[in-house]
């Protein structure tokens, strides 16, 4: 299969790599869409290093190609799914205390990590979430970052009719805006970029603020 492989800082190559071999407890998925997150940007620029070569990409969606014989649940061939591609060990202190986003083993060499820039992925059933036909594969690639927004707003205890100030109207800021509004909050957004503020206004921000002027 083809994959975008990060071979060194600042260099990605399209390579022919081996198609993943699915284990009985895994699901084989053909990737349809994958976003580029800040994590991938950091890896590309060298601000964050795991090891080379690596196939980045974790904001992904796809179609189920095959389901392992030991997989429980109702996922079947042909299902359209969103993917959670930051693998957690489930064994370390953070995983056991409900903070799996800080898993100590999620980026260890020898463990299949990320991989959304490849054509196929073999993943655990817990990494697969079925999506309805009304959601496109492109939209479903946003499930992972939107989930991050939902978690962060829950962490601060945001509730109905609260006011919230978002500093920065980049992609994650705008997603936080939309999630916060869906949770019934009034949202204020601050950013020095005029176009970003205009976008925040069009998405329903109650007030946009230019911190420079």
Foldseek 3Di string as FASTA:
>chain_A
DWFFKQAQAQDTDTDDDDADDADLQWWKWFWDDFDQDVVNVCCNNVVDDQDPTAGATALTWTFTCQHHNPYDDDDGGGFTWTFGFQDFPCPDPCNVVVNRVVHPCSRHPPDRGHRNRDRMDIGGPVGIGGDDPVADRHNSSCVVLLVVLVVVCVVVVQAAAAEEEFEDQDPSSLSNLLVSVVRHYAYEYEDLDPVSQVVSVVSPHPYYYDVVD
